[in-house]
Amino acid sequence: MSKKLSDDITVREKRQVTLPRYICEQLGIEEGDRLTLYVDGDKLIAKANKTVALDALNELHRIFKDSEVTEKELLKTSRQIRKQLVKKEYGRQH
């Protein structure tokens, strides 16, 4: 079960905030990571882009599964597209 964490932070000059170390550790946020901010009613939600990317990947997986396209069909089509792009870019087949 996940532990709910909370802390009061101060918005400094230039609207900067410092995230508490224990919250960063809990979420796996490291120096240089990017966050995506959302406003939900009166709440500010920050998600590590790692999580955003994983959510997007899960959504793509769901869409792919719902489409009933087989992996074999997807690979065949992607190879055809790749050949077309190589031919267009380099004037030859790869």
N, C-alpha and C. Protein backbone atom coordinates (compact mmCIF):
# COMPACT_ATOMS: atom_id res chain seq x y z
N MET A 1 0.85 -1.17 0.00
CA MET A 1 0.00 0.00 0.00
C MET A 1 0.90 1.23 0.00
N SER A 2 0.56 2.20 -0.85
CA SER A 2 1.41 3.38 -0.93
C SER A 2 1.11 4.33 0.22
N LYS A 3 2.15 4.95 0.70
CA LYS A 3 2.04 5.89 1.81
C LYS A 3 1.80 7.28 1.23
N LYS A 4 0.80 7.97 1.72
CA LYS A 4 0.54 9.33 1.27
C LYS A 4 1.52 10.28 1.91
N LEU A 5 2.19 11.05 1.07
CA LEU A 5 3.17 12.00 1.57
C LEU A 5 2.65 13.40 1.34
N SER A 6 2.94 14.29 2.26
CA SER A 6 2.59 15.69 2.07
C SER A 6 3.60 16.54 2.81
N ASP A 7 3.74 17.76 2.34
CA ASP A 7 4.66 18.69 2.96
C ASP A 7 4.26 20.08 2.49
N ASP A 8 4.50 21.06 3.31
CA ASP A 8 4.28 22.45 2.90
C ASP A 8 5.56 22.98 2.30
N ILE A 9 5.46 23.58 1.13
CA ILE A 9 6.62 24.19 0.50
C ILE A 9 6.29 25.64 0.19
N THR A 10 7.31 26.44 -0.01
CA THR A 10 7.13 27.87 -0.26
C THR A 10 7.47 28.17 -1.71
N VAL A 11 6.61 28.93 -2.36
CA VAL A 11 6.91 29.41 -3.70
C VAL A 11 7.82 30.62 -3.54
N ARG A 12 9.03 30.52 -4.12
CA ARG A 12 10.01 31.58 -3.97
C ARG A 12 9.93 32.55 -5.15
N GLU A 13 10.84 33.52 -5.13
CA GLU A 13 10.97 34.47 -6.22
C GLU A 13 11.06 33.69 -7.53
N LYS A 14 10.51 34.21 -8.58
CA LYS A 14 10.46 33.58 -9.91
C LYS A 14 9.62 32.29 -9.88
N ARG A 15 8.73 32.16 -8.90
CA ARG A 15 7.79 31.04 -8.79
C ARG A 15 8.49 29.68 -8.69
N GLN A 16 9.66 29.62 -8.06
CA GLN A 16 10.41 28.38 -7.90
C GLN A 16 10.01 27.68 -6.61
N VAL A 17 10.06 26.35 -6.66
CA VAL A 17 9.80 25.54 -5.47
C VAL A 17 10.89 24.47 -5.35
N THR A 18 11.12 24.01 -4.14
CA THR A 18 12.05 22.91 -3.89
C THR A 18 11.24 21.72 -3.42
N LEU A 19 11.41 20.59 -4.09
CA LEU A 19 10.71 19.38 -3.68
C LEU A 19 11.49 18.70 -2.56
N PRO A 20 10.82 18.29 -1.50
CA PRO A 20 11.51 17.62 -0.41
C PRO A 20 12.20 16.33 -0.89
N ARG A 21 13.37 16.07 -0.34
CA ARG A 21 14.17 14.92 -0.74
C ARG A 21 13.39 13.61 -0.63
N TYR A 22 12.69 13.42 0.50
CA TYR A 22 12.00 12.14 0.70
C TYR A 22 10.88 11.92 -0.33
N ILE A 23 10.27 12.99 -0.80
CA ILE A 23 9.25 12.85 -1.84
C ILE A 23 9.91 12.46 -3.16
N CYS A 24 11.02 13.10 -3.49
CA CYS A 24 11.75 12.75 -4.71
C CYS A 24 12.22 11.30 -4.67
N GLU A 25 12.72 10.88 -3.51
CA GLU A 25 13.17 9.49 -3.38
C GLU A 25 12.01 8.52 -3.54
N GLN A 26 10.88 8.85 -2.95
CA GLN A 26 9.70 7.98 -3.04
C GLN A 26 9.25 7.83 -4.50
N LEU A 27 9.36 8.90 -5.28
CA LEU A 27 8.88 8.89 -6.66
C LEU A 27 9.98 8.60 -7.68
N GLY A 28 11.21 8.46 -7.22
CA GLY A 28 12.31 8.19 -8.14
C GLY A 28 12.70 9.38 -8.99
N ILE A 29 12.41 10.59 -8.50
CA ILE A 29 12.75 11.81 -9.23
C ILE A 29 14.20 12.18 -8.91
N GLU A 30 14.98 12.39 -9.98
CA GLU A 30 16.39 12.72 -9.81
C GLU A 30 16.68 14.07 -10.47
N GLU A 31 17.82 14.64 -10.12
CA GLU A 31 18.24 15.91 -10.70
C GLU A 31 18.24 15.79 -12.23
N GLY A 32 17.65 16.77 -12.88
CA GLY A 32 17.59 16.78 -14.34
C GLY A 32 16.31 16.18 -14.91
N ASP A 33 15.57 15.42 -14.09
CA ASP A 33 14.30 14.87 -14.56
C ASP A 33 13.32 16.00 -14.82
N ARG A 34 12.41 15.75 -15.73
CA ARG A 34 11.38 16.73 -16.04
C ARG A 34 10.05 16.26 -15.46
N LEU A 35 9.24 17.22 -15.05
CA LEU A 35 7.91 16.93 -14.51
C LEU A 35 6.87 17.54 -15.43
N THR A 36 5.72 16.90 -15.50
CA THR A 36 4.57 17.46 -16.20
C THR A 36 3.58 17.88 -15.14
N LEU A 37 3.10 19.11 -15.24
CA LEU A 37 2.16 19.65 -14.26
C LEU A 37 0.75 19.67 -14.84
N TYR A 38 -0.21 19.31 -14.03
CA TYR A 38 -1.62 19.33 -14.41
C TYR A 38 -2.38 20.11 -13.35
N VAL A 39 -3.44 20.78 -13.77
CA VAL A 39 -4.35 21.41 -12.84
C VAL A 39 -5.65 20.61 -12.90
N ASP A 40 -6.10 20.17 -11.74
CA ASP A 40 -7.34 19.41 -11.62
C ASP A 40 -8.19 20.11 -10.57
N GLY A 41 -9.10 20.96 -11.04
CA GLY A 41 -9.90 21.75 -10.10
C GLY A 41 -9.00 22.71 -9.37
N ASP A 42 -8.90 22.55 -8.06
CA ASP A 42 -8.03 23.42 -7.26
C ASP A 42 -6.74 22.70 -6.86
N LYS A 43 -6.42 21.59 -7.54
CA LYS A 43 -5.23 20.82 -7.20
C LYS A 43 -4.18 20.95 -8.30
N LEU A 44 -2.92 20.99 -7.89
CA LEU A 44 -1.79 20.96 -8.80
C LEU A 44 -1.19 19.56 -8.71
N ILE A 45 -1.11 18.88 -9.84
CA ILE A 45 -0.59 17.52 -9.87
C ILE A 45 0.69 17.53 -10.68
N ALA A 46 1.75 16.99 -10.13
CA ALA A 46 3.03 16.88 -10.83
C ALA A 46 3.33 15.40 -11.04
N LYS A 47 3.64 15.05 -12.29
CA LYS A 47 4.00 13.67 -12.60
C LYS A 47 5.37 13.67 -13.24
N ALA A 48 6.22 12.75 -12.81
CA ALA A 48 7.52 12.59 -13.45
C ALA A 48 7.28 12.13 -14.88
N ASN A 49 8.02 12.68 -15.83
CA ASN A 49 7.82 12.30 -17.22
C ASN A 49 8.04 10.82 -17.45
N LYS A 50 8.82 10.17 -16.58
CA LYS A 50 8.97 8.72 -16.67
C LYS A 50 7.60 8.07 -16.56
N THR A 51 6.79 8.57 -15.62
CA THR A 51 5.44 8.05 -15.42
C THR A 51 4.55 8.40 -16.60
N VAL A 52 4.68 9.62 -17.11
CA VAL A 52 3.89 10.05 -18.26
C VAL A 52 4.20 9.16 -19.46
N ALA A 53 5.47 8.88 -19.68
CA ALA A 53 5.87 8.02 -20.81
C ALA A 53 5.32 6.61 -20.62
N LEU A 54 5.37 6.10 -19.40
CA LEU A 54 4.84 4.76 -19.13
C LEU A 54 3.33 4.73 -19.34
N ASP A 55 2.63 5.76 -18.91
CA ASP A 55 1.19 5.85 -19.14
C ASP A 55 0.88 5.84 -20.64
N ALA A 56 1.66 6.61 -21.41
CA ALA A 56 1.46 6.66 -22.86
C ALA A 56 1.73 5.30 -23.49
N LEU A 57 2.77 4.62 -23.04
CA LEU A 57 3.09 3.30 -23.56
C LEU A 57 1.98 2.30 -23.25
N ASN A 58 1.44 2.37 -22.04
CA ASN A 58 0.33 1.49 -21.67
C ASN A 58 -0.90 1.78 -22.52
N GLU A 59 -1.15 3.05 -22.80
CA GLU A 59 -2.29 3.41 -23.66
C GLU A 59 -2.09 2.90 -25.08
N LEU A 60 -0.87 3.02 -25.60
CA LEU A 60 -0.58 2.48 -26.94
C LEU A 60 -0.77 0.97 -26.96
N HIS A 61 -0.34 0.31 -25.90
CA HIS A 61 -0.51 -1.14 -25.81
C HIS A 61 -2.00 -1.50 -25.83
N ARG A 62 -2.81 -0.75 -25.09
CA ARG A 62 -4.25 -1.00 -25.06
C ARG A 62 -4.87 -0.81 -26.44
N ILE A 63 -4.49 0.29 -27.11
CA ILE A 63 -5.03 0.57 -28.44
C ILE A 63 -4.63 -0.53 -29.43
N PHE A 64 -3.35 -0.93 -29.37
CA PHE A 64 -2.86 -1.99 -30.25
C PHE A 64 -3.64 -3.28 -30.02
N LYS A 65 -3.84 -3.63 -28.76
CA LYS A 65 -4.57 -4.86 -28.42
C LYS A 65 -6.02 -4.78 -28.92
N ASP A 66 -6.66 -3.62 -28.74
CA ASP A 66 -8.05 -3.45 -29.17
C ASP A 66 -8.19 -3.45 -30.70
N SER A 67 -7.12 -3.10 -31.40
CA SER A 67 -7.19 -2.99 -32.86
C SER A 67 -7.22 -4.34 -33.56
N GLU A 68 -6.82 -5.39 -32.85
CA GLU A 68 -6.76 -6.75 -33.38
C GLU A 68 -5.76 -6.90 -34.52
N VAL A 69 -4.84 -5.96 -34.66
CA VAL A 69 -3.74 -6.08 -35.62
C VAL A 69 -2.72 -7.00 -34.98
N THR A 70 -2.26 -7.99 -35.75
CA THR A 70 -1.28 -8.91 -35.19
C THR A 70 0.11 -8.29 -35.20
N GLU A 71 0.98 -8.82 -34.35
CA GLU A 71 2.36 -8.34 -34.31
C GLU A 71 3.03 -8.56 -35.67
N LYS A 72 2.73 -9.68 -36.29
CA LYS A 72 3.30 -10.00 -37.61
C LYS A 72 2.89 -8.95 -38.65
N GLU A 73 1.61 -8.56 -38.64
CA GLU A 73 1.13 -7.52 -39.57
C GLU A 73 1.81 -6.19 -39.30
N LEU A 74 1.94 -5.85 -38.03
CA LEU A 74 2.57 -4.60 -37.65
C LEU A 74 4.03 -4.55 -38.11
N LEU A 75 4.76 -5.64 -37.88
CA LEU A 75 6.16 -5.70 -38.31
C LEU A 75 6.29 -5.62 -39.83
N LYS A 76 5.42 -6.32 -40.55
CA LYS A 76 5.45 -6.30 -42.01
C LYS A 76 5.21 -4.88 -42.53
N THR A 77 4.21 -4.22 -42.00
CA THR A 77 3.89 -2.86 -42.42
C THR A 77 5.01 -1.89 -42.06
N SER A 78 5.59 -2.04 -40.88
CA SER A 78 6.67 -1.13 -40.47
C SER A 78 7.90 -1.33 -41.35
N ARG A 79 8.18 -2.56 -41.77
CA ARG A 79 9.30 -2.81 -42.69
C ARG A 79 9.05 -2.14 -44.04
N GLN A 80 7.83 -2.23 -44.52
CA GLN A 80 7.49 -1.61 -45.80
C GLN A 80 7.65 -0.09 -45.72
N ILE A 81 7.17 0.48 -44.65
CA ILE A 81 7.29 1.94 -44.47
C ILE A 81 8.75 2.34 -44.37
N ARG A 82 9.53 1.56 -43.63
CA ARG A 82 10.97 1.86 -43.50
C ARG A 82 11.65 1.83 -44.86
N LYS A 83 11.35 0.83 -45.68
CA LYS A 83 11.95 0.75 -47.03
C LYS A 83 11.57 1.96 -47.85
N GLN A 84 10.31 2.39 -47.76
CA GLN A 84 9.87 3.57 -48.51
C GLN A 84 10.60 4.82 -48.05
N LEU A 85 10.77 4.97 -46.74
CA LEU A 85 11.47 6.14 -46.21
C LEU A 85 12.94 6.16 -46.60
N VAL A 86 13.59 5.00 -46.55
CA VAL A 86 15.00 4.92 -46.96
C VAL A 86 15.14 5.26 -48.43
N LYS A 87 14.25 4.71 -49.25
CA LYS A 87 14.30 4.99 -50.70
C LYS A 87 14.08 6.47 -50.96
N LYS A 88 13.12 7.07 -50.26
CA LYS A 88 12.83 8.49 -50.44
C LYS A 88 14.01 9.34 -49.99
N GLU A 89 14.60 9.00 -48.83
CA GLU A 89 15.69 9.81 -48.26
C GLU A 89 17.01 9.63 -49.00
N TYR A 90 17.33 8.37 -49.39
CA TYR A 90 18.63 8.08 -49.93
C TYR A 90 18.59 7.65 -51.41
N GLY A 91 17.40 7.51 -51.95
CA GLY A 91 17.27 7.13 -53.36
C GLY A 91 17.66 5.69 -53.64
N ARG A 92 17.65 4.88 -52.60
CA ARG A 92 17.98 3.46 -52.78
C ARG A 92 17.21 2.64 -51.76
N GLN A 93 17.22 1.36 -51.98
CA GLN A 93 16.57 0.46 -51.02
C GLN A 93 17.59 -0.02 -50.03
N HIS A 94 17.16 -0.24 -48.81
CA HIS A 94 18.06 -0.69 -47.74
C HIS A 94 17.96 -2.19 -47.58
